Protein backbone atom coordinates (compact mmCIF):
# COMPACT_ATOMS: atom_id res chain seq x y z
CA MET A 1 4.62 18.41 -2.36
CA GLY A 2 1.20 16.87 -2.15
CA ALA A 3 -0.64 13.96 -3.55
CA VAL A 4 0.45 12.66 -7.01
CA HIS A 5 -2.31 11.93 -9.31
CA CYS A 6 -1.15 10.81 -12.58
CA VAL A 7 2.25 9.36 -14.04
CA ALA A 8 3.14 8.80 -17.82
CA TYR A 9 6.08 7.34 -19.28
CA SER A 10 7.77 9.02 -22.65
CA ALA A 11 6.57 7.23 -25.81
CA GLY A 12 8.81 4.27 -27.10
CA SER A 13 11.65 3.44 -25.03
CA GLY A 14 10.01 4.78 -21.92
CA THR A 15 13.32 6.27 -20.85
CA TYR A 16 11.67 9.41 -19.22
CA ALA A 17 8.64 9.78 -17.21
CA LEU A 18 6.18 12.62 -15.90
CA SER A 19 4.22 12.95 -12.77
CA GLY A 20 1.79 15.48 -11.97
CA GLY A 21 -0.44 16.16 -8.62
CA ALA A 22 -1.74 18.35 -5.99
CA ASP A 23 1.54 20.78 -6.31
CA ARG A 24 0.36 22.15 -9.48
CA LYS A 25 3.82 21.25 -11.28
CA ILE A 26 4.89 18.76 -13.92
CA HIS A 27 8.04 16.80 -13.10
CA LEU A 28 10.14 15.34 -15.79
CA TRP A 29 12.36 12.30 -14.46
CA ASN A 30 14.90 9.77 -15.66
CA PRO A 31 13.24 6.76 -13.54
CA SER A 32 16.19 4.49 -14.32
CA THR A 33 18.54 7.05 -12.02
CA SER A 34 15.67 8.73 -10.02
CA THR A 35 16.86 12.00 -11.47
CA LYS A 36 14.64 15.09 -11.75
CA ILE A 37 15.51 16.52 -15.26
CA GLN A 38 12.73 19.71 -15.66
CA THR A 39 9.88 20.82 -13.92
CA TYR A 40 6.96 22.49 -15.80
CA THR A 41 4.85 25.20 -14.10
CA ALA A 42 1.81 27.21 -15.63
CA HIS A 43 -1.01 25.08 -13.71
CA GLY A 44 -3.04 26.86 -11.29
CA TYR A 45 -4.50 23.76 -9.98
CA GLU A 46 -3.82 20.32 -9.47
CA VAL A 47 -2.76 18.39 -12.43
CA LEU A 48 -4.85 15.09 -12.99
CA SER A 49 -3.82 13.54 -16.47
CA LEU A 50 -0.79 13.63 -18.72
CA VAL A 51 -0.12 12.08 -22.01
CA CYS A 52 3.23 12.05 -24.27
CA SER A 53 3.01 12.45 -27.97
CA HIS A 54 4.33 9.53 -30.15
CA ASP A 55 7.56 11.60 -30.95
CA ASN A 56 7.76 12.79 -27.33
CA ALA A 57 8.46 16.38 -28.82
CA LEU A 58 5.18 17.17 -27.18
CA PHE A 59 3.04 16.45 -23.91
CA ALA A 60 -0.44 17.34 -22.94
CA SER A 61 -1.75 17.87 -19.35
CA CYS A 62 -4.98 18.91 -17.87
CA GLY A 63 -6.76 19.36 -14.40
CA GLY A 64 -8.49 21.67 -12.13
CA ASP A 65 -7.94 24.53 -14.40
CA LYS A 66 -10.67 23.64 -17.14
CA LEU A 67 -7.93 24.01 -19.38
CA VAL A 68 -5.98 21.43 -21.70
CA PHE A 69 -2.29 22.49 -21.71
CA LEU A 70 -0.26 21.63 -24.66
CA TRP A 71 3.46 21.70 -23.81
CA ASP A 72 6.90 21.68 -25.80
CA VAL A 73 9.49 19.33 -24.09
CA GLY A 74 12.35 21.06 -25.06
CA THR A 75 11.42 24.35 -24.10
CA ALA A 76 9.26 23.66 -21.21
CA GLN A 77 6.72 26.23 -22.40
CA THR A 78 3.12 25.93 -23.21
CA ILE A 79 2.44 26.03 -27.10
CA ARG A 80 -1.52 26.15 -26.58
CA ARG A 81 -4.05 26.57 -23.75
CA PHE A 82 -7.37 24.62 -25.14
CA GLU A 83 -10.60 26.26 -23.65
CA GLY A 84 -14.00 24.83 -23.94
CA HIS A 85 -14.74 22.96 -20.59
CA TRP A 86 -16.37 24.58 -17.75
CA GLY A 87 -15.39 21.87 -14.92
CA ARG A 88 -12.50 20.03 -14.07
CA ILE A 89 -10.69 17.92 -16.63
CA ASN A 90 -10.10 14.51 -15.42
CA CYS A 91 -8.14 12.78 -18.64
CA VAL A 92 -6.62 13.72 -21.89
CA ASP A 93 -4.83 11.42 -24.44
CA PHE A 94 -3.30 11.80 -27.89
CA ASN A 95 -4.49 10.20 -31.46
CA ALA A 96 -1.67 8.20 -32.96
CA ASP A 97 0.05 11.19 -34.88
CA ALA A 98 -0.71 13.57 -32.34
CA SER A 99 -2.52 16.06 -34.39
CA VAL A 100 -5.74 15.73 -32.12
CA LEU A 101 -6.06 15.77 -28.65
CA VAL A 102 -9.22 14.40 -26.48
CA SER A 103 -9.87 15.41 -23.18
CA GLY A 104 -12.76 14.18 -20.90
CA SER A 105 -14.12 16.50 -17.94
CA TYR A 106 -16.64 16.76 -14.96
CA ASP A 107 -18.71 18.83 -16.96
CA THR A 108 -19.91 15.33 -18.72
CA THR A 109 -18.35 15.95 -21.91
CA VAL A 110 -15.69 14.66 -24.07
CA LYS A 111 -13.96 17.17 -26.20
CA PHE A 112 -11.61 16.97 -29.39
CA TRP A 113 -8.59 19.60 -30.00
CA ASP A 114 -6.77 20.31 -33.16
CA VAL A 115 -3.19 20.48 -32.36
CA LYS A 116 -1.99 21.45 -35.76
CA SER A 117 -4.35 24.63 -36.24
CA GLN A 118 -3.97 27.85 -34.12
CA ALA A 119 -7.64 27.25 -32.91
CA ARG A 120 -8.24 27.00 -28.86
CA LYS A 121 -11.88 25.94 -29.03
CA PRO A 122 -12.82 22.28 -29.40
CA ILE A 123 -13.47 20.79 -32.93
CA GLN A 124 -16.08 18.49 -31.61
CA SER A 125 -17.98 17.65 -28.58
CA LEU A 126 -19.54 14.49 -27.21
CA GLU A 127 -22.17 14.85 -24.77
CA GLU A 128 -23.75 11.31 -24.13
CA ALA A 129 -22.15 10.65 -20.59
CA GLY A 130 -24.84 11.06 -17.85
CA ASP A 131 -22.09 12.14 -15.49
CA SER A 132 -18.17 13.29 -14.98
CA VAL A 133 -16.05 11.68 -17.76
CA SER A 134 -13.21 9.83 -15.59
CA ASP A 135 -11.14 8.79 -18.34
CA VAL A 136 -10.62 8.54 -22.15
CA VAL A 137 -8.30 6.36 -24.42
CA VAL A 138 -7.85 6.69 -28.04
CA TYR A 139 -7.37 3.70 -30.10
CA GLY A 140 -7.37 3.79 -33.75
CA HIS A 141 -10.41 5.47 -35.07
CA GLU A 142 -12.31 4.95 -31.73
CA VAL A 143 -12.13 7.02 -28.61
CA VAL A 144 -13.24 5.08 -25.41
CA ALA A 145 -14.54 6.98 -22.53
CA GLY A 146 -15.42 5.74 -18.80
CA SER A 147 -17.72 7.76 -16.79
CA VAL A 148 -19.09 8.09 -13.19
CA ASP A 149 -22.47 6.80 -14.30
CA GLY A 150 -20.95 3.49 -14.29
CA ARG A 151 -20.68 3.15 -18.31
CA VAL A 152 -18.05 2.94 -21.04
CA ARG A 153 -18.72 4.42 -24.15
CA ALA A 154 -16.90 3.61 -27.61
CA TYR A 155 -17.17 6.06 -30.01
CA ASP A 156 -16.36 4.74 -33.65
CA LEU A 157 -15.74 8.11 -35.35
CA ARG A 158 -15.72 6.66 -38.88
CA MET A 159 -19.03 4.75 -38.52
CA GLY A 160 -20.39 7.73 -36.45
CA ARG A 161 -21.72 5.23 -33.91
CA CYS A 162 -21.68 5.11 -30.09
CA PHE A 163 -21.42 1.80 -28.26
CA VAL A 164 -22.57 1.55 -24.45
CA ASP A 165 -21.38 -1.04 -21.99
CA VAL A 166 -22.88 -0.89 -18.75
CA ILE A 167 -20.12 -1.65 -16.16
CA ALA A 168 -21.31 -1.27 -12.83
CA PRO A 169 -23.73 0.26 -10.25
CA ALA A 170 -20.49 2.43 -9.13
CA PRO A 171 -18.62 5.04 -10.99
CA VAL A 172 -15.96 4.03 -13.59
CA THR A 173 -12.50 5.36 -12.76
CA SER A 174 -10.18 3.93 -15.16
CA VAL A 175 -10.24 2.58 -18.73
CA ARG A 176 -7.50 0.53 -20.69
CA VAL A 177 -7.75 -0.96 -23.94
CA GLY A 178 -5.61 -3.85 -24.73
CA ARG A 179 -2.97 -4.05 -27.79
CA ASP A 180 -5.01 -5.82 -30.13
CA GLY A 181 -8.32 -3.62 -29.31
CA CYS A 182 -10.24 -6.65 -28.29
CA GLY A 183 -9.88 -6.47 -24.49
CA MET A 184 -10.58 -3.64 -22.06
CA LEU A 185 -9.89 -3.26 -18.66
CA VAL A 186 -12.26 -0.93 -16.47
CA GLY A 187 -11.96 -0.16 -12.84
CA SER A 188 -14.75 0.98 -10.85
CA LEU A 189 -15.63 2.35 -7.39
CA ASP A 190 -17.01 -1.13 -6.23
CA GLY A 191 -13.50 -2.49 -5.57
CA VAL A 192 -13.46 -4.53 -8.98
CA VAL A 193 -11.37 -4.07 -11.98
CA ARG A 194 -12.96 -5.90 -14.91
CA LEU A 195 -11.63 -7.49 -17.96
CA MET A 196 -14.42 -7.08 -20.79
CA ASP A 197 -14.89 -8.43 -24.08
CA ARG A 198 -15.15 -5.54 -26.63
CA SER A 199 -16.78 -7.21 -29.13
CA ASN A 200 -19.96 -8.35 -27.14
CA GLY A 201 -19.50 -6.60 -23.94
CA GLY A 202 -19.02 -9.87 -22.11
CA LEU A 203 -17.23 -9.91 -18.76
CA LEU A 204 -13.83 -12.02 -19.36
CA GLN A 205 -12.35 -11.87 -15.90
CA SER A 206 -12.73 -9.78 -12.74
CA TYR A 207 -9.98 -8.77 -10.36
CA ARG A 208 -10.89 -8.21 -6.61
CA GLY A 209 -9.21 -7.92 -3.29
CA HIS A 210 -7.73 -4.26 -3.37
CA LYS A 211 -9.67 -1.48 -1.63
CA ASN A 212 -11.34 1.09 -3.99
CA THR A 213 -14.49 2.54 -2.96
CA GLU A 214 -14.02 6.37 -2.44
CA MET A 215 -11.24 7.41 -4.52
CA ARG A 216 -9.84 7.47 -8.31
CA VAL A 217 -7.55 4.87 -8.61
CA ARG A 218 -5.73 3.73 -12.01
CA SER A 219 -5.53 0.24 -13.07
CA GLY A 220 -3.48 -1.38 -16.13
CA PHE A 221 -1.77 -4.05 -17.99
CA ALA A 222 1.61 -5.14 -17.41
CA GLU A 223 4.32 -7.45 -18.58
CA GLN A 224 3.25 -7.61 -22.26
CA GLU A 225 -0.51 -7.91 -20.82
CA GLU A 226 0.25 -11.04 -18.83
CA TYR A 227 -0.47 -9.35 -15.68
CA VAL A 228 -3.15 -6.69 -14.53
CA VAL A 229 -1.83 -3.89 -11.77
CA CYS A 230 -3.84 -1.69 -9.89
CA GLY A 231 -3.34 0.67 -6.76
CA SER A 232 -5.33 0.45 -3.58
CA GLU A 233 -6.80 2.97 -0.95
CA ASP A 234 -4.82 1.17 2.11
CA GLY A 235 -1.47 1.56 0.46
CA GLU A 236 -1.02 -1.56 -1.72
CA LEU A 237 0.03 -2.31 -5.49
CA TRP A 238 -2.11 -5.40 -6.50
CA VAL A 239 -0.73 -7.71 -9.20
CA TRP A 240 -3.24 -10.13 -10.76
CA ASP A 241 -2.77 -13.01 -13.54
CA LEU A 242 -4.56 -11.59 -16.47
CA LEU A 243 -6.24 -14.86 -17.24
CA ASP A 244 -7.07 -16.76 -13.96
CA GLY A 245 -7.62 -13.57 -11.96
CA LYS A 246 -5.65 -14.93 -9.06
CA CYS A 247 -3.59 -12.57 -6.88
CA LYS A 248 0.19 -12.96 -7.57
CA GLU A 249 1.62 -10.36 -5.50
CA ARG A 250 0.79 -7.52 -2.80
CA LEU A 251 3.32 -4.68 -2.71
CA ARG A 252 3.26 -2.28 0.19
CA CYS A 253 4.22 1.31 -0.60
CA HIS A 254 3.30 5.15 -0.35
CA ALA A 255 3.46 4.77 3.36
CA GLY A 256 0.15 3.24 3.76
CA LYS A 257 -1.98 5.86 1.79
CA VAL A 258 -3.62 5.47 -1.53
CA VAL A 259 -1.93 4.38 -4.37
CA SER A 260 -3.43 6.72 -6.97
CA CYS A 261 -1.84 5.74 -10.26
CA VAL A 262 0.25 2.84 -11.83
CA GLU A 263 2.10 2.87 -15.24
CA TYR A 264 4.17 0.16 -16.77
CA CYS A 265 6.92 0.66 -18.97
CA PRO A 266 5.89 0.49 -22.71
CA ALA A 267 9.17 -0.70 -23.72
CA GLN A 268 9.33 -4.46 -24.75
CA GLY A 269 11.30 -6.58 -22.47
CA ARG A 270 12.05 -3.85 -19.79
CA ARG A 271 10.60 -4.63 -16.64
CA GLN A 272 9.65 -1.32 -14.89
CA MET A 273 6.63 0.48 -13.59
CA LEU A 274 5.77 3.58 -11.84
CA THR A 275 3.17 4.23 -8.95
CA GLY A 276 2.29 7.58 -7.41
CA GLY A 277 0.24 7.93 -4.31
CA ALA A 278 -1.18 10.32 -1.62
CA ASP A 279 2.15 10.74 0.07
CA GLY A 280 3.65 12.73 -2.68
CA MET A 281 5.93 10.37 -3.87
CA VAL A 282 6.85 8.37 -7.27
CA VAL A 283 7.96 4.90 -6.79
CA VAL A 284 10.03 3.00 -9.21
CA TRP A 285 9.52 -0.83 -9.45
CA GLY A 286 11.95 -3.01 -11.27
CA GLU A 287 14.89 -2.08 -13.59
């Protein structure tokens, strides 16, 4: 089956989940019953990122094809394939109403795609990154992009400004913005996950102990942002307290292989999360 590179919950209740990876397929699951519902096939290369639209009618995927695929969930067909990147596409995200897709690539650019029109070419391209763009997050009128150059760039689209935070002398692999937009969780290949203050670029807390020096490992918030979760290259899932940075749990999983991605269920009050790993498995934790 090959390594799992990305997992994503459906929007809202998080009833369903998607996974993608080295097998070039996208699988739709019911995580509560571990039932596979559908398999989506169109990619010719590994799948590196997935995101669902706010109404769960569409999802987008990207990877080694250098294309952004837009899918219809019901028909299991691609509606559009956006072209314009010349390198592997590492990440993709929708804006709030799923009218625009944003992608980040090995070619160092962040590109915007109009979902509503029939255009296949990007409507905008941002080229400030000095190396591969590893992660993108759309938050309101901002696009936040992490890069292998060790920086996170926040593009304020209304003001037409770019704010740069120098995070580490190591590549940034993961970016998550908190619900209130004030905090930002950044993972990097120096084996540290950092909680940053977005208003002034200050370091609020750091989370250490896991192994992450070679592979892309995603981190994220959990339990209504009470905790921070991150995979590790030695087959563990680490859980830290958000405020004091202390490790709360170390969970062994994925046969000791790299835990590459983690996603916490978006439904309030539902304690469940997914991990994907180099062993080709998706593990459901909690309910």
